[in-house]
Amino acid sequence: MKNCLTIAGSDCSGGAGIQADIKTFSALGCYGMSVITSVFAENTHRLISSMTVSQEVIADQLEAVFSDIRVDAVKIGVLPDAGAMRAVAAALFKYKPEIVVCDPVIAATAGGELMSGSALGAFINGIIPLCSLLTPNIPEAETLLSCHIENITDMKAAALSLFAHGAGAVLVKGGHLPGDATDVLFDGREFTIFTHERLDRKSTHGTGCTLSSAIAAYQAQGKPLPEAIGLAKDYLTGAIEHGLDIGNGHGPTDHFYRLFPERT
């Protein structure tokens, strides 16, 4: 069995963050572990409050895992401040995991800032160069690059710019553009385009978390990056199609739809 570690925030409603990541790891046959960077009081329609975990406690969690357990892949989600980024960067530099998939979570689906504006520079300079894959959506790429993205050409330019900041590869997710959901991968050599039909569903809470953790899980199992992304997108599409009718806002996907295809 492959072991996957998520470094992210805790979502008490269970749809995003470490909860979504561990469900994804488990659904795809991996052993899931977590390092909590933030605690969020949120539900399907709003972010109520949050608490940032101290740099020292984040560092202790990382050391506890890496010093004892083989880590085959890392997924990074919310890093709320520069202290969290320093702790994560130090652990990644020390233990040098080969697979590090980073979803640069800046804002919550239900609204609310998850990464402070002052931390953006630390993220760009300290975290991106340690990632084997960066997976921003369009608003996140626009924030990181201070640019505007309107089409696939702009997405390719953004992927190139983020690659230039040191990421091993960049997947710019195009779900915020009209039409089919089209993502653009640049792996340092060539572009690969992934297109899926857009789903008209409200169960979209935690989709970015789920996709990035699924990519990490498939890579941990030895899949090449483009194949891992394609498999992860197929898995996410099914999870959205079988989305759970939970809460009054953007509900969660069903991470275990392959095990329980009849439940809703």
C-alpha atoms as a PDB file:
ATOM      1  CA  MET A   1       0.000   0.000   0.000  1.00  0.00           C
ATOM      2  CA  LYS A   2       1.167   3.510  -0.781  1.00  0.00           C
ATOM      3  CA  ASN A   3       1.171   6.209   1.897  1.00  0.00           C
ATOM      4  CA  CYS A   4      -0.071   9.711   1.102  1.00  0.00           C
ATOM      5  CA  LEU A   5       0.226  12.778   3.330  1.00  0.00           C
ATOM      6  CA  THR A   6      -2.027  15.808   3.133  1.00  0.00           C
ATOM      7  CA  ILE A   7      -0.829  19.116   4.577  1.00  0.00           C
ATOM      8  CA  ALA A   8      -3.938  21.264   4.719  1.00  0.00           C
ATOM      9  CA  GLY A   9      -6.759  22.761   6.771  1.00  0.00           C
ATOM     10  CA  SER A  10      -9.541  20.944   8.600  1.00  0.00           C
ATOM     11  CA  ASP A  11     -13.109  21.466   7.331  1.00  0.00           C
ATOM     12  CA  CYS A  12     -15.598  20.568  10.069  1.00  0.00           C
ATOM     13  CA  SER A  13     -18.335  19.949   7.473  1.00  0.00           C
ATOM     14  CA  GLY A  14     -16.230  17.179   5.923  1.00  0.00           C
ATOM     15  CA  GLY A  15     -16.402  18.295   2.307  1.00  0.00           C
ATOM     16  CA  ALA A  16     -13.003  19.879   1.759  1.00  0.00           C
ATOM     17  CA  GLY A  17      -9.549  20.088   3.323  1.00  0.00           C
ATOM     18  CA  ILE A  18      -7.940  17.129   5.028  1.00  0.00           C
ATOM     19  CA  GLN A  19     -11.295  15.371   5.289  1.00  0.00           C
ATOM     20  CA  ALA A  20     -11.742  15.359   1.511  1.00  0.00           C
ATOM     21  CA  ASP A  21      -8.105  14.402   1.001  1.00  0.00           C
ATOM     22  CA  ILE A  22      -8.138  11.408   3.342  1.00  0.00           C
ATOM     23  CA  LYS A  23     -11.428  10.184   1.870  1.00  0.00           C
ATOM     24  CA  THR A  24      -9.864  10.430  -1.588  1.00  0.00           C
ATOM     25  CA  PHE A  25      -6.688   8.595  -0.558  1.00  0.00           C
ATOM     26  CA  SER A  26      -8.784   5.825   0.999  1.00  0.00           C
ATOM     27  CA  ALA A  27     -11.162   5.561  -1.954  1.00  0.00           C
ATOM     28  CA  LEU A  28      -8.200   5.127  -4.299  1.00  0.00           C
ATOM     29  CA  GLY A  29      -6.478   2.485  -2.198  1.00  0.00           C
ATOM     30  CA  CYS A  30      -3.847   4.526  -0.365  1.00  0.00           C
ATOM     31  CA  TYR A  31      -3.161   5.042   3.342  1.00  0.00           C
ATOM     32  CA  GLY A  32      -3.909   8.632   4.279  1.00  0.00           C
ATOM     33  CA  MET A  33      -2.139  10.838   6.829  1.00  0.00           C
ATOM     34  CA  SER A  34      -2.622  14.498   7.697  1.00  0.00           C
ATOM     35  CA  VAL A  35      -0.817  17.550   8.986  1.00  0.00           C
ATOM     36  CA  ILE A  36      -3.335  20.212   9.995  1.00  0.00           C
ATOM     37  CA  THR A  37      -2.373  23.807   9.237  1.00  0.00           C
ATOM     38  CA  SER A  38      -5.680  25.528  10.034  1.00  0.00           C
ATOM     39  CA  VAL A  39      -9.037  24.743  11.587  1.00  0.00           C
ATOM     40  CA  PHE A  40     -12.056  26.111   9.731  1.00  0.00           C
ATOM     41  CA  ALA A  41     -15.573  26.505  11.081  1.00  0.00           C
ATOM     42  CA  GLU A  42     -17.410  26.275   7.782  1.00  0.00           C
ATOM     43  CA  ASN A  43     -20.358  24.570   6.177  1.00  0.00           C
ATOM     44  CA  THR A  44     -21.809  24.260   2.685  1.00  0.00           C
ATOM     45  CA  HIS A  45     -22.657  27.940   2.368  1.00  0.00           C
ATOM     46  CA  ARG A  46     -20.271  30.019   4.494  1.00  0.00           C
ATOM     47  CA  LEU A  47     -16.975  30.266   6.317  1.00  0.00           C
ATOM     48  CA  ILE A  48     -17.703  31.320   9.905  1.00  0.00           C
ATOM     49  CA  SER A  49     -14.280  31.481  11.524  1.00  0.00           C
ATOM     50  CA  SER A  50     -10.813  29.977  11.418  1.00  0.00           C
ATOM     51  CA  MET A  51      -7.765  29.336  13.576  1.00  0.00           C
ATOM     52  CA  THR A  52      -4.210  29.035  12.315  1.00  0.00           C
ATOM     53  CA  VAL A  53      -2.078  26.262  13.785  1.00  0.00           C
ATOM     54  CA  SER A  54       1.286  27.506  15.049  1.00  0.00           C
ATOM     55  CA  GLN A  55       4.465  27.012  13.055  1.00  0.00           C
ATOM     56  CA  GLU A  56       5.878  24.855  15.861  1.00  0.00           C
ATOM     57  CA  VAL A  57       2.917  22.467  15.940  1.00  0.00           C
ATOM     58  CA  ILE A  58       2.905  22.179  12.148  1.00  0.00           C
ATOM     59  CA  ALA A  59       6.630  21.381  12.255  1.00  0.00           C
ATOM     60  CA  ASP A  60       6.075  18.770  14.982  1.00  0.00           C
ATOM     61  CA  GLN A  61       3.320  17.071  12.979  1.00  0.00           C
ATOM     62  CA  LEU A  62       5.539  16.942   9.908  1.00  0.00           C
ATOM     63  CA  GLU A  63       8.465  15.513  11.859  1.00  0.00           C
ATOM     64  CA  ALA A  64       6.211  12.933  13.518  1.00  0.00           C
ATOM     65  CA  VAL A  65       5.093  11.608  10.147  1.00  0.00           C
ATOM     66  CA  PHE A  66       8.264  11.863   8.078  1.00  0.00           C
ATOM     67  CA  SER A  67      10.572  10.480  10.792  1.00  0.00           C
ATOM     68  CA  ASP A  68       8.524   7.298  11.208  1.00  0.00           C
ATOM     69  CA  ILE A  69       6.475   6.532   8.092  1.00  0.00           C
ATOM     70  CA  ARG A  70       7.436   6.250   4.422  1.00  0.00           C
ATOM     71  CA  VAL A  71       5.672   9.030   2.517  1.00  0.00           C
ATOM     72  CA  ASP A  72       5.066   8.159  -1.139  1.00  0.00           C
ATOM     73  CA  ALA A  73       3.274  11.387  -2.061  1.00  0.00           C
ATOM     74  CA  VAL A  74       2.439  14.723  -0.474  1.00  0.00           C
ATOM     75  CA  LYS A  75      -0.568  16.894  -1.195  1.00  0.00           C
ATOM     76  CA  ILE A  76      -0.455  20.511   0.021  1.00  0.00           C
ATOM     77  CA  GLY A  77      -3.593  22.569   0.525  1.00  0.00           C
ATOM     78  CA  VAL A  78      -4.123  25.610   2.746  1.00  0.00           C
ATOM     79  CA  LEU A  79      -0.950  27.248   4.048  1.00  0.00           C
ATOM     80  CA  PRO A  80      -2.426  30.242   5.881  1.00  0.00           C
ATOM     81  CA  ASP A  81       0.673  32.260   6.712  1.00  0.00           C
ATOM     82  CA  ALA A  82       4.428  32.556   6.292  1.00  0.00           C
ATOM     83  CA  GLY A  83       5.072  30.528   9.458  1.00  0.00           C
ATOM     84  CA  ALA A  84       3.204  27.543   8.082  1.00  0.00           C
ATOM     85  CA  MET A  85       5.132  27.874   4.839  1.00  0.00           C
ATOM     86  CA  ARG A  86       8.475  27.937   6.645  1.00  0.00           C
ATOM     87  CA  ALA A  87       7.598  24.756   8.538  1.00  0.00           C
ATOM     88  CA  VAL A  88       6.464  22.961   5.393  1.00  0.00           C
ATOM     89  CA  ALA A  89       9.419  24.145   3.316  1.00  0.00           C
ATOM     90  CA  ALA A  90      11.871  22.959   5.986  1.00  0.00           C
ATOM     91  CA  ALA A  91      10.318  19.483   6.097  1.00  0.00           C
ATOM     92  CA  LEU A  92      10.184  19.140   2.318  1.00  0.00           C
ATOM     93  CA  PHE A  93      13.809  20.264   2.036  1.00  0.00           C
ATOM     94  CA  LYS A  94      14.888  17.820   4.764  1.00  0.00           C
ATOM     95  CA  TYR A  95      13.002  14.735   3.593  1.00  0.00           C
ATOM     96  CA  LYS A  96      12.790  15.478  -0.145  1.00  0.00           C
ATOM     97  CA  PRO A  97       9.604  13.602  -1.134  1.00  0.00           C
ATOM     98  CA  GLU A  98       9.530  13.042  -4.885  1.00  0.00           C
ATOM     99  CA  ILE A  99       5.809  13.710  -5.387  1.00  0.00           C
ATOM    100  CA  VAL A 100       4.502  17.015  -4.005  1.00  0.00           C
ATOM    101  CA  VAL A 101       1.163  18.124  -5.457  1.00  0.00           C
ATOM    102  CA  CYS A 102       0.186  21.611  -4.329  1.00  0.00           C
ATOM    103  CA  ASP A 103      -3.306  23.087  -4.620  1.00  0.00           C
ATOM    104  CA  PRO A 104      -2.769  26.797  -3.822  1.00  0.00           C
ATOM    105  CA  VAL A 105      -5.975  27.367  -1.855  1.00  0.00           C
ATOM    106  CA  ILE A 106      -6.494  31.105  -1.471  1.00  0.00           C
ATOM    107  CA  ALA A 107     -10.272  31.425  -0.924  1.00  0.00           C
ATOM    108  CA  ALA A 108     -13.082  29.098   0.183  1.00  0.00           C
ATOM    109  CA  THR A 109     -15.861  27.940  -2.138  1.00  0.00           C
ATOM    110  CA  ALA A 110     -18.351  29.402   0.330  1.00  0.00           C
ATOM    111  CA  GLY A 111     -16.431  32.677   0.481  1.00  0.00           C
ATOM    112  CA  GLY A 112     -13.677  33.909   2.768  1.00  0.00           C
ATOM    113  CA  GLU A 113      -9.916  34.303   2.536  1.00  0.00           C
ATOM    114  CA  LEU A 114      -7.886  31.205   3.448  1.00  0.00           C
ATOM    115  CA  MET A 115      -4.377  32.514   2.700  1.00  0.00           C
ATOM    116  CA  SER A 116      -3.368  35.968   3.900  1.00  0.00           C
ATOM    117  CA  GLY A 117      -2.313  38.433   1.241  1.00  0.00           C
ATOM    118  CA  SER A 118       1.011  38.958   3.009  1.00  0.00           C
ATOM    119  CA  ALA A 119       1.754  35.237   2.642  1.00  0.00           C
ATOM    120  CA  LEU A 120       1.545  35.198  -1.156  1.00  0.00           C
ATOM    121  CA  GLY A 121       5.168  36.215  -1.610  1.00  0.00           C
ATOM    122  CA  ALA A 122       6.355  33.514   0.777  1.00  0.00           C
ATOM    123  CA  PHE A 123       4.268  30.967  -1.115  1.00  0.00           C
ATOM    124  CA  ILE A 124       5.603  31.995  -4.520  1.00  0.00           C
ATOM    125  CA  ASN A 125       9.246  32.076  -3.433  1.00  0.00           C
ATOM    126  CA  GLY A 126       9.325  29.366  -0.776  1.00  0.00           C
ATOM    127  CA  ILE A 127       6.752  26.717  -1.684  1.00  0.00           C
ATOM    128  CA  ILE A 128       6.300  26.680  -5.458  1.00  0.00           C
ATOM    129  CA  PRO A 129       9.950  25.676  -6.130  1.00  0.00           C
ATOM    130  CA  LEU A 130       9.459  22.597  -3.909  1.00  0.00           C
ATOM    131  CA  CYS A 131       6.367  21.325  -5.765  1.00  0.00           C
ATOM    132  CA  SER A 132       6.411  18.644  -8.431  1.00  0.00           C
ATOM    133  CA  LEU A 133       2.951  19.838  -9.553  1.00  0.00           C
ATOM    134  CA  LEU A 134       1.046  23.074  -8.909  1.00  0.00           C
ATOM    135  CA  THR A 135      -2.739  22.976  -9.545  1.00  0.00           C
ATOM    136  CA  PRO A 136      -4.227  26.500  -9.426  1.00  0.00           C
ATOM    137  CA  ASN A 137      -7.675  27.323 -10.725  1.00  0.00           C
ATOM    138  CA  ILE A 138      -8.045  30.483 -12.777  1.00  0.00           C
ATOM    139  CA  PRO A 139      -8.726  32.907  -9.881  1.00  0.00           C
ATOM    140  CA  GLU A 140      -5.758  31.454  -7.981  1.00  0.00           C
ATOM    141  CA  ALA A 141      -3.457  31.753 -10.990  1.00  0.00           C
ATOM    142  CA  GLU A 142      -4.637  35.330 -11.514  1.00  0.00           C
ATOM    143  CA  THR A 143      -3.881  36.171  -7.881  1.00  0.00           C
ATOM    144  CA  LEU A 144      -0.458  34.535  -7.917  1.00  0.00           C
ATOM    145  CA  LEU A 145       0.558  36.249 -11.162  1.00  0.00           C
ATOM    146  CA  SER A 146      -1.440  39.509 -10.940  1.00  0.00           C
ATOM    147  CA  CYS A 147      -2.873  38.792 -14.383  1.00  0.00           C
ATOM    148  CA  HIS A 148      -6.219  38.239 -16.115  1.00  0.00           C
ATOM    149  CA  ILE A 149      -7.120  34.935 -17.794  1.00  0.00           C
ATOM    150  CA  GLU A 150      -9.885  34.757 -20.401  1.00  0.00           C
ATOM    151  CA  ASN A 151      -9.072  31.775 -22.626  1.00  0.00           C
ATOM    152  CA  ILE A 152      -6.831  28.759 -23.183  1.00  0.00           C
ATOM    153  CA  THR A 153      -4.043  30.913 -24.604  1.00  0.00           C
ATOM    154  CA  ASP A 154      -3.997  32.896 -21.359  1.00  0.00           C
ATOM    155  CA  MET A 155      -4.037  29.637 -19.380  1.00  0.00           C
ATOM    156  CA  LYS A 156      -0.966  28.414 -21.256  1.00  0.00           C
ATOM    157  CA  ALA A 157       0.830  31.690 -20.574  1.00  0.00           C
ATOM    158  CA  ALA A 158      -0.040  31.421 -16.877  1.00  0.00           C
ATOM    159  CA  ALA A 159       1.245  27.843 -16.744  1.00  0.00           C
ATOM    160  CA  LEU A 160       4.531  28.942 -18.293  1.00  0.00           C
ATOM    161  CA  SER A 161       4.874  31.821 -15.835  1.00  0.00           C
ATOM    162  CA  LEU A 162       4.216  29.614 -12.810  1.00  0.00           C
ATOM    163  CA  PHE A 163       6.615  26.993 -14.160  1.00  0.00           C
ATOM    164  CA  ALA A 164       9.238  29.730 -14.351  1.00  0.00           C
ATOM    165  CA  HIS A 165       8.798  30.239 -10.593  1.00  0.00           C
ATOM    166  CA  GLY A 166      10.188  26.737 -10.065  1.00  0.00           C
ATOM    167  CA  ALA A 167       7.292  24.262 -10.092  1.00  0.00           C
ATOM    168  CA  GLY A 168       8.082  20.906 -11.675  1.00  0.00           C
ATOM    169  CA  ALA A 169       4.826  21.082 -13.657  1.00  0.00           C
ATOM    170  CA  VAL A 170       1.704  23.260 -13.651  1.00  0.00           C
ATOM    171  CA  LEU A 171      -1.951  22.322 -14.191  1.00  0.00           C
ATOM    172  CA  VAL A 172      -4.140  25.406 -14.672  1.00  0.00           C
ATOM    173  CA  LYS A 173      -7.773  24.422 -14.095  1.00  0.00           C
ATOM    174  CA  GLY A 174     -10.277  26.135 -16.370  1.00  0.00           C
ATOM    175  CA  GLY A 175     -13.544  25.428 -14.601  1.00  0.00           C
ATOM    176  CA  HIS A 176     -14.244  29.142 -14.151  1.00  0.00           C
ATOM    177  CA  LEU A 177     -14.342  29.766 -17.918  1.00  0.00           C
ATOM    178  CA  PRO A 178     -17.555  29.234 -19.930  1.00  0.00           C
ATOM    179  CA  GLY A 179     -18.068  26.059 -21.955  1.00  0.00           C
ATOM    180  CA  ASP A 180     -16.533  22.662 -21.274  1.00  0.00           C
ATOM    181  CA  ALA A 181     -14.215  22.312 -18.283  1.00  0.00           C
ATOM    182  CA  THR A 182     -10.753  22.521 -19.853  1.00  0.00           C
ATOM    183  CA  ASP A 183      -7.496  22.207 -17.909  1.00  0.00           C
ATOM    184  CA  VAL A 184      -4.011  22.956 -19.243  1.00  0.00           C
ATOM    185  CA  LEU A 185      -0.914  21.025 -18.135  1.00  0.00           C
ATOM    186  CA  PHE A 186       2.633  22.184 -18.812  1.00  0.00           C
ATOM    187  CA  ASP A 187       5.221  19.628 -17.714  1.00  0.00           C
ATOM    188  CA  GLY A 188       8.336  21.543 -18.718  1.00  0.00           C
ATOM    189  CA  ARG A 189       8.370  20.128 -22.247  1.00  0.00           C
ATOM    190  CA  GLU A 190       4.887  20.292 -23.712  1.00  0.00           C
ATOM    191  CA  PHE A 191       1.274  21.219 -23.097  1.00  0.00           C
ATOM    192  CA  THR A 192      -1.476  18.658 -22.553  1.00  0.00           C
ATOM    193  CA  ILE A 193      -5.136  19.683 -22.693  1.00  0.00           C
ATOM    194  CA  PHE A 194      -7.770  17.883 -20.604  1.00  0.00           C
ATOM    195  CA  THR A 195     -11.423  18.518 -21.443  1.00  0.00           C
ATOM    196  CA  HIS A 196     -14.535  17.260 -19.669  1.00  0.00           C
ATOM    197  CA  GLU A 197     -18.165  18.146 -20.146  1.00  0.00           C
ATOM    198  CA  ARG A 198     -19.271  20.694 -17.570  1.00  0.00           C
ATOM    199  CA  LEU A 199     -21.590  19.221 -14.944  1.00  0.00           C
ATOM    200  CA  ASP A 200     -24.576  21.226 -13.720  1.00  0.00           C
ATOM    201  CA  ARG A 201     -24.353  20.239 -10.062  1.00  0.00           C
ATOM    202  CA  LYS A 202     -24.276  22.144  -6.782  1.00  0.00           C
ATOM    203  CA  SER A 203     -22.233  19.459  -4.994  1.00  0.00           C
ATOM    204  CA  THR A 204     -18.878  21.072  -5.719  1.00  0.00           C
ATOM    205  CA  HIS A 205     -17.503  21.724  -2.228  1.00  0.00           C
ATOM    206  CA  GLY A 206     -13.921  20.489  -2.060  1.00  0.00           C
ATOM    207  CA  THR A 207     -13.459  19.657  -5.734  1.00  0.00           C
ATOM    208  CA  GLY A 208     -10.008  21.241  -5.899  1.00  0.00           C
ATOM    209  CA  CYS A 209      -8.903  19.323  -2.805  1.00  0.00           C
ATOM    210  CA  THR A 210     -10.262  16.091  -4.232  1.00  0.00           C
ATOM    211  CA  LEU A 211      -8.593  16.497  -7.622  1.00  0.00           C
ATOM    212  CA  SER A 212      -5.156  17.314  -6.236  1.00  0.00           C
ATOM    213  CA  SER A 213      -5.234  14.491  -3.679  1.00  0.00           C
ATOM    214  CA  ALA A 214      -6.405  12.056  -6.370  1.00  0.00           C
ATOM    215  CA  ILE A 215      -3.499  13.075  -8.601  1.00  0.00           C
ATOM    216  CA  ALA A 216      -1.114  12.508  -5.681  1.00  0.00           C
ATOM    217  CA  ALA A 217      -2.639   9.084  -4.975  1.00  0.00           C
ATOM    218  CA  TYR A 218      -2.388   7.934  -8.577  1.00  0.00           C
ATOM    219  CA  GLN A 219       1.191   9.198  -8.861  1.00  0.00           C
ATOM    220  CA  ALA A 220       2.077   7.384  -5.631  1.00  0.00           C
ATOM    221  CA  GLN A 221       0.848   4.215  -7.334  1.00  0.00           C
ATOM    222  CA  GLY A 222       3.261   4.769 -10.199  1.00  0.00           C
ATOM    223  CA  LYS A 223       1.090   6.435 -12.824  1.00  0.00           C
ATOM    224  CA  PRO A 224       2.875   8.970 -15.067  1.00  0.00           C
ATOM    225  CA  LEU A 225       1.706  12.539 -14.499  1.00  0.00           C
ATOM    226  CA  PRO A 226      -0.597  12.951 -17.541  1.00  0.00           C
ATOM    227  CA  GLU A 227      -2.230   9.582 -16.860  1.00  0.00           C
ATOM    228  CA  ALA A 228      -2.584  10.387 -13.155  1.00  0.00           C
ATOM    229  CA  ILE A 229      -4.323  13.655 -14.009  1.00  0.00           C
ATOM    230  CA  GLY A 230      -6.677  11.957 -16.465  1.00  0.00           C
ATOM    231  CA  LEU A 231      -7.589   9.264 -13.943  1.00  0.00           C
ATOM    232  CA  ALA A 232      -8.044  11.858 -11.201  1.00  0.00           C
ATOM    233  CA  LYS A 233     -10.341  13.944 -13.393  1.00  0.00           C
ATOM    234  CA  ASP A 234     -12.416  10.853 -14.218  1.00  0.00           C
ATOM    235  CA  TYR A 235     -12.681  10.053 -10.504  1.00  0.00           C
ATOM    236  CA  LEU A 236     -13.676  13.631  -9.652  1.00  0.00           C
ATOM    237  CA  THR A 237     -16.291  13.703 -12.415  1.00  0.00           C
ATOM    238  CA  GLY A 238     -17.915  10.595 -10.952  1.00  0.00           C
ATOM    239  CA  ALA A 239     -17.751  12.015  -7.432  1.00  0.00           C
ATOM    240  CA  ILE A 240     -19.517  15.189  -8.597  1.00  0.00           C
ATOM    241  CA  GLU A 241     -22.124  13.236 -10.579  1.00  0.00           C
ATOM    242  CA  HIS A 242     -22.910  11.270  -7.413  1.00  0.00           C
ATOM    243  CA  GLY A 243     -22.747  14.368  -5.219  1.00  0.00           C
ATOM    244  CA  LEU A 244     -24.368  14.048  -1.808  1.00  0.00           C
ATOM    245  CA  ASP A 245     -27.484  16.044  -0.922  1.00  0.00           C
ATOM    246  CA  ILE A 246     -26.028  17.445   2.276  1.00  0.00           C
ATOM    247  CA  GLY A 247     -26.443  21.011   3.530  1.00  0.00           C
ATOM    248  CA  ASN A 248     -28.161  24.012   2.007  1.00  0.00           C
ATOM    249  CA  GLY A 249     -25.332  25.377  -0.150  1.00  0.00           C
ATOM    250  CA  HIS A 250     -22.529  23.821  -2.201  1.00  0.00           C
ATOM    251  CA  GLY A 251     -22.651  20.254  -0.912  1.00  0.00           C
ATOM    252  CA  PRO A 252     -19.835  17.691  -0.962  1.00  0.00           C
ATOM    253  CA  THR A 253     -18.943  15.236  -3.665  1.00  0.00           C
ATOM    254  CA  ASP A 254     -19.258  11.515  -2.927  1.00  0.00           C
ATOM    255  CA  HIS A 255     -15.701  10.247  -2.579  1.00  0.00           C
ATOM    256  CA  PHE A 256     -16.884   6.645  -2.182  1.00  0.00           C
ATOM    257  CA  TYR A 257     -19.315   6.509  -5.086  1.00  0.00           C
ATOM    258  CA  ARG A 258     -17.501   3.518  -6.554  1.00  0.00           C
ATOM    259  CA  LEU A 259     -18.135   1.545  -3.362  1.00  0.00           C
ATOM    260  CA  PHE A 260     -21.700   2.772  -2.819  1.00  0.00           C
ATOM    261  CA  PRO A 261     -23.045   3.722  -6.270  1.00  0.00           C
ATOM    262  CA  GLU A 262     -26.700   3.811  -5.200  1.00  0.00           C
ATOM    263  CA  ARG A 263     -26.470   6.257  -2.305  1.00  0.00           C
ATOM    264  CA  THR A 264     -27.181   9.998  -2.693  1.00  0.00           C
END
